[in-house]
């Protein structure tokens, strides 16, 4: 009987000692999984773009021969354009901001084909912009807006039957605004879809050479482009846990 009691007491003591030792041991678990690094949009970039455009032209104050004063007409133009760009952008948290300059060649033209015989036509041959950019990044996706200065060279012609064609060029400065969406295809290659509105203001023809009265034309454009940009340097990603 004494042997049984001694054995039982010994087992209880061992059990208590084992529990106390286990309580003092550190607990190990799996490390938290590492989430994919967040893309960093900071850096210099250059790129190319191309697309289509739609122009609107409002001509007023006598485009016809003398006697047709206070004449007003509105006509459209359309065509394509392509060019290149360079810029730099910074990222702070999810906010991206920067500056971008571009230049483009274009073939955007149209006219009024006025029924009385004299016609007006306008063509945008080339232009460029200098703009600020800002947006919100969600990893490799960027939603952005842009705005700034625009420049373009317009060629206008007026045809007056029996008196000839008056053609001239007008270089105009104005405003640019728009927005779009960009995606980082790789760490250095970025694709984008962008809409841009250009207001190139109003040009004046004070003394046409073909017998029509002085007139002026206001010009605006809506442009949609696809582009590819190459960002220089390594992509400094930020690891998240």
C-alpha atoms as a PDB file:
ATOM      1  CA  UNK A   1       0.000   0.000   0.000  1.00  0.00           C
ATOM      2  CA  UNK A   2       2.798   2.380   0.880  1.00  0.00           C
ATOM      3  CA  UNK A   3       4.438   1.592  -2.476  1.00  0.00           C
ATOM      4  CA  UNK A   4       1.272   2.530  -4.356  1.00  0.00           C
ATOM      5  CA  UNK A   5       0.902   5.811  -2.479  1.00  0.00           C
ATOM      6  CA  UNK A   6       4.545   6.689  -3.100  1.00  0.00           C
ATOM      7  CA  UNK A   7       4.237   5.951  -6.831  1.00  0.00           C
ATOM      8  CA  UNK A   8       1.085   8.098  -7.105  1.00  0.00           C
ATOM      9  CA  UNK A   9       2.718  11.007  -5.287  1.00  0.00           C
ATOM     10  CA  UNK A  10       5.752  10.779  -7.569  1.00  0.00           C
ATOM     11  CA  UNK A  11       3.586  10.885 -10.732  1.00  0.00           C
ATOM     12  CA  UNK A  12       1.675  13.932  -9.455  1.00  0.00           C
ATOM     13  CA  UNK A  13       4.917  15.758  -8.705  1.00  0.00           C
ATOM     14  CA  UNK A  14       6.270  15.016 -12.200  1.00  0.00           C
ATOM     15  CA  UNK A  15       3.030  16.228 -13.773  1.00  0.00           C
ATOM     16  CA  UNK A  16       3.143  19.531 -11.858  1.00  0.00           C
ATOM     17  CA  UNK A  17       6.791  20.081 -12.768  1.00  0.00           C
ATOM     18  CA  UNK A  18       6.089  19.419 -16.440  1.00  0.00           C
ATOM     19  CA  UNK A  19       3.197  21.932 -16.455  1.00  0.00           C
ATOM     20  CA  UNK A  20       5.329  24.625 -14.803  1.00  0.00           C
ATOM     21  CA  UNK A  21       8.166  24.067 -17.274  1.00  0.00           C
ATOM     22  CA  UNK A  22       5.797  24.248 -20.244  1.00  0.00           C
ATOM     23  CA  UNK A  23       4.397  27.575 -18.976  1.00  0.00           C
ATOM     24  CA  UNK A  24       7.899  29.101 -18.964  1.00  0.00           C
ATOM     25  CA  UNK A  25       8.725  28.071 -22.559  1.00  0.00           C
ATOM     26  CA  UNK A  26       8.236  30.731 -25.329  1.00  0.00           C
ATOM     27  CA  UNK A  27       5.415  30.172 -27.823  1.00  0.00           C
ATOM     28  CA  UNK A  28       6.427  30.085 -31.479  1.00  0.00           C
ATOM     29  CA  UNK A  29       4.022  30.682 -34.386  1.00  0.00           C
ATOM     30  CA  UNK A  30       4.137  31.328 -38.122  1.00  0.00           C
ATOM     31  CA  UNK A  31       5.417  34.730 -39.297  1.00  0.00           C
ATOM     32  CA  UNK A  32       2.716  36.948 -40.819  1.00  0.00           C
ATOM     33  CA  UNK A  33       2.521  36.512 -44.597  1.00  0.00           C
ATOM     34  CA  UNK A  34       4.192  39.204 -46.710  1.00  0.00           C
ATOM     35  CA  UNK A  35       1.854  41.124 -48.999  1.00  0.00           C
ATOM     36  CA  UNK A  36       2.996  41.996 -52.525  1.00  0.00           C
ATOM     37  CA  UNK A  37       5.025  45.233 -52.590  1.00  0.00           C
ATOM     38  CA  UNK A  38       3.152  48.445 -53.474  1.00  0.00           C
ATOM     39  CA  UNK A  39       4.210  50.085 -56.736  1.00  0.00           C
ATOM     40  CA  UNK A  40       5.976  53.466 -56.489  1.00  0.00           C
ATOM     41  CA  UNK A  41       5.112  55.944 -59.291  1.00  0.00           C
ATOM     42  CA  UNK A  42       7.980  58.326 -58.459  1.00  0.00           C
ATOM     43  CA  UNK A  43      10.459  59.040 -61.261  1.00  0.00           C
ATOM     44  CA  UNK A  44      11.267  60.571 -64.647  1.00  0.00           C
ATOM     45  CA  UNK A  45       9.515  59.153 -67.696  1.00  0.00           C
ATOM     46  CA  UNK A  46       9.258  59.610 -71.463  1.00  0.00           C
ATOM     47  CA  UNK A  47       6.616  58.256 -73.766  1.00  0.00           C
ATOM     48  CA  UNK A  48       4.611  58.311 -76.958  1.00  0.00           C
ATOM     49  CA  UNK A  49       0.896  58.679 -77.600  1.00  0.00           C
ATOM     50  CA  UNK A  50      -1.608  58.736 -80.441  1.00  0.00           C
ATOM     51  CA  UNK A  51      -5.324  59.052 -80.952  1.00  0.00           C
ATOM     52  CA  UNK A  52      -8.156  61.028 -82.436  1.00  0.00           C
ATOM     53  CA  UNK A  53      -9.635  64.488 -81.956  1.00  0.00           C
ATOM     54  CA  UNK A  54     -12.824  66.415 -82.562  1.00  0.00           C
ATOM     55  CA  UNK A  55     -12.763  70.188 -83.010  1.00  0.00           C
ATOM     56  CA  UNK A  56     -15.452  72.847 -82.792  1.00  0.00           C
ATOM     57  CA  UNK A  57     -15.148  76.252 -84.506  1.00  0.00           C
ATOM     58  CA  UNK A  58     -17.432  79.231 -84.065  1.00  0.00           C
ATOM     59  CA  UNK A  59     -17.042  81.900 -86.751  1.00  0.00           C
ATOM     60  CA  UNK A  60     -18.812  85.234 -86.496  1.00  0.00           C
ATOM     61  CA  UNK A  61     -19.051  88.836 -87.653  1.00  0.00           C
ATOM     62  CA  UNK A  62     -19.272  88.725 -91.433  1.00  0.00           C
ATOM     63  CA  UNK A  63     -17.610  85.891 -93.243  1.00  0.00           C
ATOM     64  CA  UNK A  64     -19.454  86.721 -96.467  1.00  0.00           C
ATOM     65  CA  UNK A  65     -19.121  89.565 -98.985  1.00  0.00           C
ATOM     66  CA  UNK A  66     -20.032  93.110 -97.956  1.00  0.00           C
ATOM     67  CA  UNK A  67     -23.723  93.258 -97.130  1.00  0.00           C
ATOM     68  CA  UNK A  68     -23.754  89.963 -95.193  1.00  0.00           C
ATOM     69  CA  UNK A  69     -22.654  91.568 -91.930  1.00  0.00           C
ATOM     70  CA  UNK A  70     -23.263  89.899 -88.543  1.00  0.00           C
ATOM     71  CA  UNK A  71     -23.023  86.451 -90.091  1.00  0.00           C
ATOM     72  CA  UNK A  72     -22.366  83.557 -87.684  1.00  0.00           C
ATOM     73  CA  UNK A  73     -21.689  79.897 -88.375  1.00  0.00           C
ATOM     74  CA  UNK A  74     -20.427  76.881 -86.476  1.00  0.00           C
ATOM     75  CA  UNK A  75     -18.557  73.946 -87.983  1.00  0.00           C
ATOM     76  CA  UNK A  76     -16.644  70.869 -86.849  1.00  0.00           C
ATOM     77  CA  UNK A  77     -13.294  69.290 -87.594  1.00  0.00           C
ATOM     78  CA  UNK A  78     -11.878  65.860 -86.914  1.00  0.00           C
ATOM     79  CA  UNK A  79      -8.743  63.841 -87.451  1.00  0.00           C
ATOM     80  CA  UNK A  80      -5.788  62.139 -85.803  1.00  0.00           C
ATOM     81  CA  UNK A  81      -2.664  63.146 -83.902  1.00  0.00           C
ATOM     82  CA  UNK A  82       0.460  61.620 -82.422  1.00  0.00           C
ATOM     83  CA  UNK A  83       3.437  62.781 -80.406  1.00  0.00           C
ATOM     84  CA  UNK A  84       5.762  62.371 -77.474  1.00  0.00           C
ATOM     85  CA  UNK A  85       5.989  63.502 -73.859  1.00  0.00           C
ATOM     86  CA  UNK A  86       8.358  63.837 -70.926  1.00  0.00           C
ATOM     87  CA  UNK A  87       7.580  64.272 -67.255  1.00  0.00           C
ATOM     88  CA  UNK A  88       8.381  63.683 -63.624  1.00  0.00           C
ATOM     89  CA  UNK A  89       6.076  62.608 -60.810  1.00  0.00           C
ATOM     90  CA  UNK A  90       6.300  62.118 -57.039  1.00  0.00           C
ATOM     91  CA  UNK A  91       4.311  59.794 -54.807  1.00  0.00           C
ATOM     92  CA  UNK A  92       3.452  60.429 -51.162  1.00  0.00           C
ATOM     93  CA  UNK A  93       1.215  57.762 -49.681  1.00  0.00           C
ATOM     94  CA  UNK A  94      -1.509  57.196 -52.257  1.00  0.00           C
ATOM     95  CA  UNK A  95      -1.208  60.725 -53.729  1.00  0.00           C
ATOM     96  CA  UNK A  96       0.761  61.229 -56.958  1.00  0.00           C
ATOM     97  CA  UNK A  97       1.596  64.645 -58.377  1.00  0.00           C
ATOM     98  CA  UNK A  98       3.948  65.911 -61.074  1.00  0.00           C
ATOM     99  CA  UNK A  99       4.544  67.923 -64.248  1.00  0.00           C
ATOM    100  CA  UNK A 100       4.407  66.875 -67.909  1.00  0.00           C
ATOM    101  CA  UNK A 101       5.226  68.471 -71.284  1.00  0.00           C
ATOM    102  CA  UNK A 102       4.296  67.122 -74.705  1.00  0.00           C
ATOM    103  CA  UNK A 103       4.380  67.968 -78.397  1.00  0.00           C
ATOM    104  CA  UNK A 104       2.309  66.519 -81.225  1.00  0.00           C
ATOM    105  CA  UNK A 105       1.716  66.616 -84.946  1.00  0.00           C
ATOM    106  CA  UNK A 106      -1.883  66.555 -86.130  1.00  0.00           C
ATOM    107  CA  UNK A 107      -4.151  66.414 -89.160  1.00  0.00           C
ATOM    108  CA  UNK A 108      -7.412  67.716 -87.682  1.00  0.00           C
ATOM    109  CA  UNK A 109      -9.469  69.638 -90.221  1.00  0.00           C
ATOM    110  CA  UNK A 110     -12.986  70.565 -91.250  1.00  0.00           C
ATOM    111  CA  UNK A 111     -15.093  73.327 -92.782  1.00  0.00           C
ATOM    112  CA  UNK A 112     -18.582  74.780 -93.052  1.00  0.00           C
ATOM    113  CA  UNK A 113     -19.278  74.214 -96.795  1.00  0.00           C
ATOM    114  CA  UNK A 114     -21.623  77.186 -96.682  1.00  0.00           C
ATOM    115  CA  UNK A 115     -24.501  76.953 -99.151  1.00  0.00           C
ATOM    116  CA  UNK A 116     -24.077  80.480-100.599  1.00  0.00           C
ATOM    117  CA  UNK A 117     -20.694  79.535-102.003  1.00  0.00           C
ATOM    118  CA  UNK A 118     -18.051  80.969 -99.702  1.00  0.00           C
ATOM    119  CA  UNK A 119     -16.466  78.399 -97.427  1.00  0.00           C
ATOM    120  CA  UNK A 120     -14.354  78.458 -94.281  1.00  0.00           C
ATOM    121  CA  UNK A 121     -12.052  75.632 -93.209  1.00  0.00           C
ATOM    122  CA  UNK A 122      -9.641  75.240 -90.273  1.00  0.00           C
ATOM    123  CA  UNK A 123      -6.811  72.754 -89.736  1.00  0.00           C
ATOM    124  CA  UNK A 124      -4.763  72.104 -86.586  1.00  0.00           C
ATOM    125  CA  UNK A 125      -1.316  71.050 -87.772  1.00  0.00           C
ATOM    126  CA  UNK A 126       0.722  70.761 -84.580  1.00  0.00           C
ATOM    127  CA  UNK A 127       0.767  71.808 -80.952  1.00  0.00           C
ATOM    128  CA  UNK A 128       1.921  71.085 -77.433  1.00  0.00           C
ATOM    129  CA  UNK A 129       1.075  71.473 -73.762  1.00  0.00           C
ATOM    130  CA  UNK A 130       2.768  72.057 -70.399  1.00  0.00           C
ATOM    131  CA  UNK A 131       0.650  70.748 -67.533  1.00  0.00           C
ATOM    132  CA  UNK A 132       0.532  69.831 -63.852  1.00  0.00           C
ATOM    133  CA  UNK A 133      -0.707  66.338 -62.947  1.00  0.00           C
ATOM    134  CA  UNK A 134      -2.259  64.901 -59.816  1.00  0.00           C
ATOM    135  CA  UNK A 135      -3.973  61.675 -58.914  1.00  0.00           C
ATOM    136  CA  UNK A 136      -4.637  58.758 -56.617  1.00  0.00           C
ATOM    137  CA  UNK A 137      -2.694  55.492 -56.875  1.00  0.00           C
ATOM    138  CA  UNK A 138      -3.946  52.050 -55.919  1.00  0.00           C
ATOM    139  CA  UNK A 139      -0.772  49.993 -56.257  1.00  0.00           C
ATOM    140  CA  UNK A 140      -0.194  49.748 -60.044  1.00  0.00           C
ATOM    141  CA  UNK A 141      -3.362  51.631 -60.983  1.00  0.00           C
ATOM    142  CA  UNK A 142      -3.377  55.438 -61.189  1.00  0.00           C
ATOM    143  CA  UNK A 143      -6.375  57.716 -61.670  1.00  0.00           C
ATOM    144  CA  UNK A 144      -5.194  61.217 -62.585  1.00  0.00           C
ATOM    145  CA  UNK A 145      -6.281  64.685 -63.662  1.00  0.00           C
ATOM    146  CA  UNK A 146      -4.234  67.302 -65.502  1.00  0.00           C
ATOM    147  CA  UNK A 147      -4.351  70.971 -66.457  1.00  0.00           C
ATOM    148  CA  UNK A 148      -2.180  73.792 -67.754  1.00  0.00           C
ATOM    149  CA  UNK A 149      -1.058  75.670 -70.859  1.00  0.00           C
ATOM    150  CA  UNK A 150      -1.682  74.685 -74.499  1.00  0.00           C
ATOM    151  CA  UNK A 151      -0.301  75.876 -77.833  1.00  0.00           C
ATOM    152  CA  UNK A 152      -1.275  75.142 -81.427  1.00  0.00           C
ATOM    153  CA  UNK A 153      -0.789  76.317 -85.005  1.00  0.00           C
ATOM    154  CA  UNK A 154      -4.011  76.685 -87.004  1.00  0.00           C
ATOM    155  CA  UNK A 155      -4.334  77.142 -90.752  1.00  0.00           C
ATOM    156  CA  UNK A 156      -7.525  78.847 -91.909  1.00  0.00           C
ATOM    157  CA  UNK A 157      -8.822  79.380 -95.411  1.00  0.00           C
ATOM    158  CA  UNK A 158     -11.796  81.346 -96.730  1.00  0.00           C
ATOM    159  CA  UNK A 159     -13.047  80.765-100.258  1.00  0.00           C
ATOM    160  CA  UNK A 160     -15.091  83.529-101.899  1.00  0.00           C
ATOM    161  CA  UNK A 161     -16.202  82.535-105.448  1.00  0.00           C
ATOM    162  CA  UNK A 162     -14.996  85.029-107.998  1.00  0.00           C
ATOM    163  CA  UNK A 163     -12.589  86.689-105.545  1.00  0.00           C
ATOM    164  CA  UNK A 164     -10.247  83.828-104.636  1.00  0.00           C
ATOM    165  CA  UNK A 165      -9.038  82.068-101.506  1.00  0.00           C
ATOM    166  CA  UNK A 166      -7.611  83.823 -98.456  1.00  0.00           C
ATOM    167  CA  UNK A 167      -5.329  81.481 -96.446  1.00  0.00           C
ATOM    168  CA  UNK A 168      -3.289  82.278 -93.332  1.00  0.00           C
ATOM    169  CA  UNK A 169      -1.760  80.665 -90.240  1.00  0.00           C
ATOM    170  CA  UNK A 170      -2.642  81.584 -86.657  1.00  0.00           C
ATOM    171  CA  UNK A 171      -0.478  80.493 -83.696  1.00  0.00           C
ATOM    172  CA  UNK A 172      -2.612  80.372 -80.577  1.00  0.00           C
ATOM    173  CA  UNK A 173      -2.024  79.857 -76.839  1.00  0.00           C
ATOM    174  CA  UNK A 174      -4.750  78.614 -74.542  1.00  0.00           C
ATOM    175  CA  UNK A 175      -5.732  76.173 -71.832  1.00  0.00           C
ATOM    176  CA  UNK A 176      -5.542  72.388 -71.493  1.00  0.00           C
ATOM    177  CA  UNK A 177      -7.458  70.203 -69.030  1.00  0.00           C
ATOM    178  CA  UNK A 178      -8.382  66.549 -68.747  1.00  0.00           C
ATOM    179  CA  UNK A 179      -7.757  63.267 -66.995  1.00  0.00           C
ATOM    180  CA  UNK A 180      -7.281  59.573 -67.471  1.00  0.00           C
ATOM    181  CA  UNK A 181      -6.212  56.213 -66.123  1.00  0.00           C
ATOM    182  CA  UNK A 182      -2.716  54.672 -66.129  1.00  0.00           C
ATOM    183  CA  UNK A 183      -1.457  51.191 -65.287  1.00  0.00           C
ATOM    184  CA  UNK A 184       2.089  49.993 -64.584  1.00  0.00           C
ATOM    185  CA  UNK A 185       2.423  46.998 -66.904  1.00  0.00           C
ATOM    186  CA  UNK A 186       5.940  46.316 -65.618  1.00  0.00           C
ATOM    187  CA  UNK A 187       8.128  48.176 -63.119  1.00  0.00           C
ATOM    188  CA  UNK A 188       9.233  50.557 -65.905  1.00  0.00           C
ATOM    189  CA  UNK A 189       6.535  50.405 -68.602  1.00  0.00           C
ATOM    190  CA  UNK A 190       3.257  52.278 -68.045  1.00  0.00           C
ATOM    191  CA  UNK A 191       0.211  52.348 -70.310  1.00  0.00           C
ATOM    192  CA  UNK A 192      -2.535  54.976 -70.207  1.00  0.00           C
ATOM    193  CA  UNK A 193      -5.841  56.148 -71.649  1.00  0.00           C
ATOM    194  CA  UNK A 194      -6.353  59.915 -71.519  1.00  0.00           C
ATOM    195  CA  UNK A 195      -8.924  62.566 -72.427  1.00  0.00           C
ATOM    196  CA  UNK A 196      -7.812  66.154 -72.962  1.00  0.00           C
ATOM    197  CA  UNK A 197      -9.729  69.353 -73.736  1.00  0.00           C
ATOM    198  CA  UNK A 198      -7.901  72.191 -75.489  1.00  0.00           C
ATOM    199  CA  UNK A 199      -9.203  75.742 -75.733  1.00  0.00           C
ATOM    200  CA  UNK A 200      -6.988  77.573 -78.236  1.00  0.00           C
ATOM    201  CA  UNK A 201      -8.961  80.794 -78.013  1.00  0.00           C
ATOM    202  CA  UNK A 202     -10.014  83.064 -80.881  1.00  0.00           C
ATOM    203  CA  UNK A 203      -8.028  84.251 -83.889  1.00  0.00           C
ATOM    204  CA  UNK A 204      -8.933  87.345 -85.944  1.00  0.00           C
ATOM    205  CA  UNK A 205      -8.748  88.102 -89.666  1.00  0.00           C
ATOM    206  CA  UNK A 206      -8.868  91.869 -89.911  1.00  0.00           C
ATOM    207  CA  UNK A 207      -8.263  92.425 -93.634  1.00  0.00           C
ATOM    208  CA  UNK A 208      -9.057  89.374 -95.804  1.00  0.00           C
ATOM    209  CA  UNK A 209      -7.598  89.564 -99.320  1.00  0.00           C
ATOM    210  CA  UNK A 210     -10.621  88.129-101.118  1.00  0.00           C
ATOM    211  CA  UNK A 211     -13.392  90.658-100.497  1.00  0.00           C
ATOM    212  CA  UNK A 212     -15.010  89.300 -97.330  1.00  0.00           C
ATOM    213  CA  UNK A 213     -15.524  91.363 -94.212  1.00  0.00           C
ATOM    214  CA  UNK A 214     -13.284  90.932 -91.123  1.00  0.00           C
ATOM    215  CA  UNK A 215     -14.138  87.920 -88.969  1.00  0.00           C
ATOM    216  CA  UNK A 216     -12.935  85.879 -85.999  1.00  0.00           C
ATOM    217  CA  UNK A 217     -13.006  82.166 -85.153  1.00  0.00           C
ATOM    218  CA  UNK A 218     -13.057  80.501 -81.686  1.00  0.00           C
ATOM    219  CA  UNK A 219     -11.486  77.024 -81.544  1.00  0.00           C
ATOM    220  CA  UNK A 220     -11.792  74.140 -79.060  1.00  0.00           C
ATOM    221  CA  UNK A 221     -10.754  70.481 -79.265  1.00  0.00           C
ATOM    222  CA  UNK A 222     -11.603  67.219 -77.492  1.00  0.00           C
ATOM    223  CA  UNK A 223      -8.799  64.650 -77.735  1.00  0.00           C
ATOM    224  CA  UNK A 224      -8.671  60.958 -76.731  1.00  0.00           C
ATOM    225  CA  UNK A 225      -5.296  59.171 -76.786  1.00  0.00           C
ATOM    226  CA  UNK A 226      -3.591  55.907 -75.873  1.00  0.00           C
ATOM    227  CA  UNK A 227       0.018  56.068 -74.708  1.00  0.00           C
ATOM    228  CA  UNK A 228       3.034  54.182 -73.394  1.00  0.00           C
ATOM    229  CA  UNK A 229       5.571  55.688 -70.967  1.00  0.00           C
ATOM    230  CA  UNK A 230       8.939  54.366 -69.859  1.00  0.00           C
ATOM    231  CA  UNK A 231       9.954  55.249 -66.283  1.00  0.00           C
ATOM    232  CA  UNK A 232      13.686  55.451 -65.609  1.00  0.00           C
ATOM    233  CA  UNK A 233      15.408  53.864 -62.614  1.00  0.00           C
ATOM    234  CA  UNK A 234      14.493  50.999 -60.316  1.00  0.00           C
ATOM    235  CA  UNK A 235      11.022  50.841 -58.903  1.00  0.00           C
ATOM    236  CA  UNK A 236      11.380  51.496 -55.162  1.00  0.00           C
ATOM    237  CA  UNK A 237       8.600  49.318 -53.841  1.00  0.00           C
ATOM    238  CA  UNK A 238       7.303  49.487 -50.297  1.00  0.00           C
ATOM    239  CA  UNK A 239       6.755  46.125 -48.602  1.00  0.00           C
ATOM    240  CA  UNK A 240       3.545  45.727 -46.637  1.00  0.00           C
ATOM    241  CA  UNK A 241       2.679  43.130 -43.985  1.00  0.00           C
END
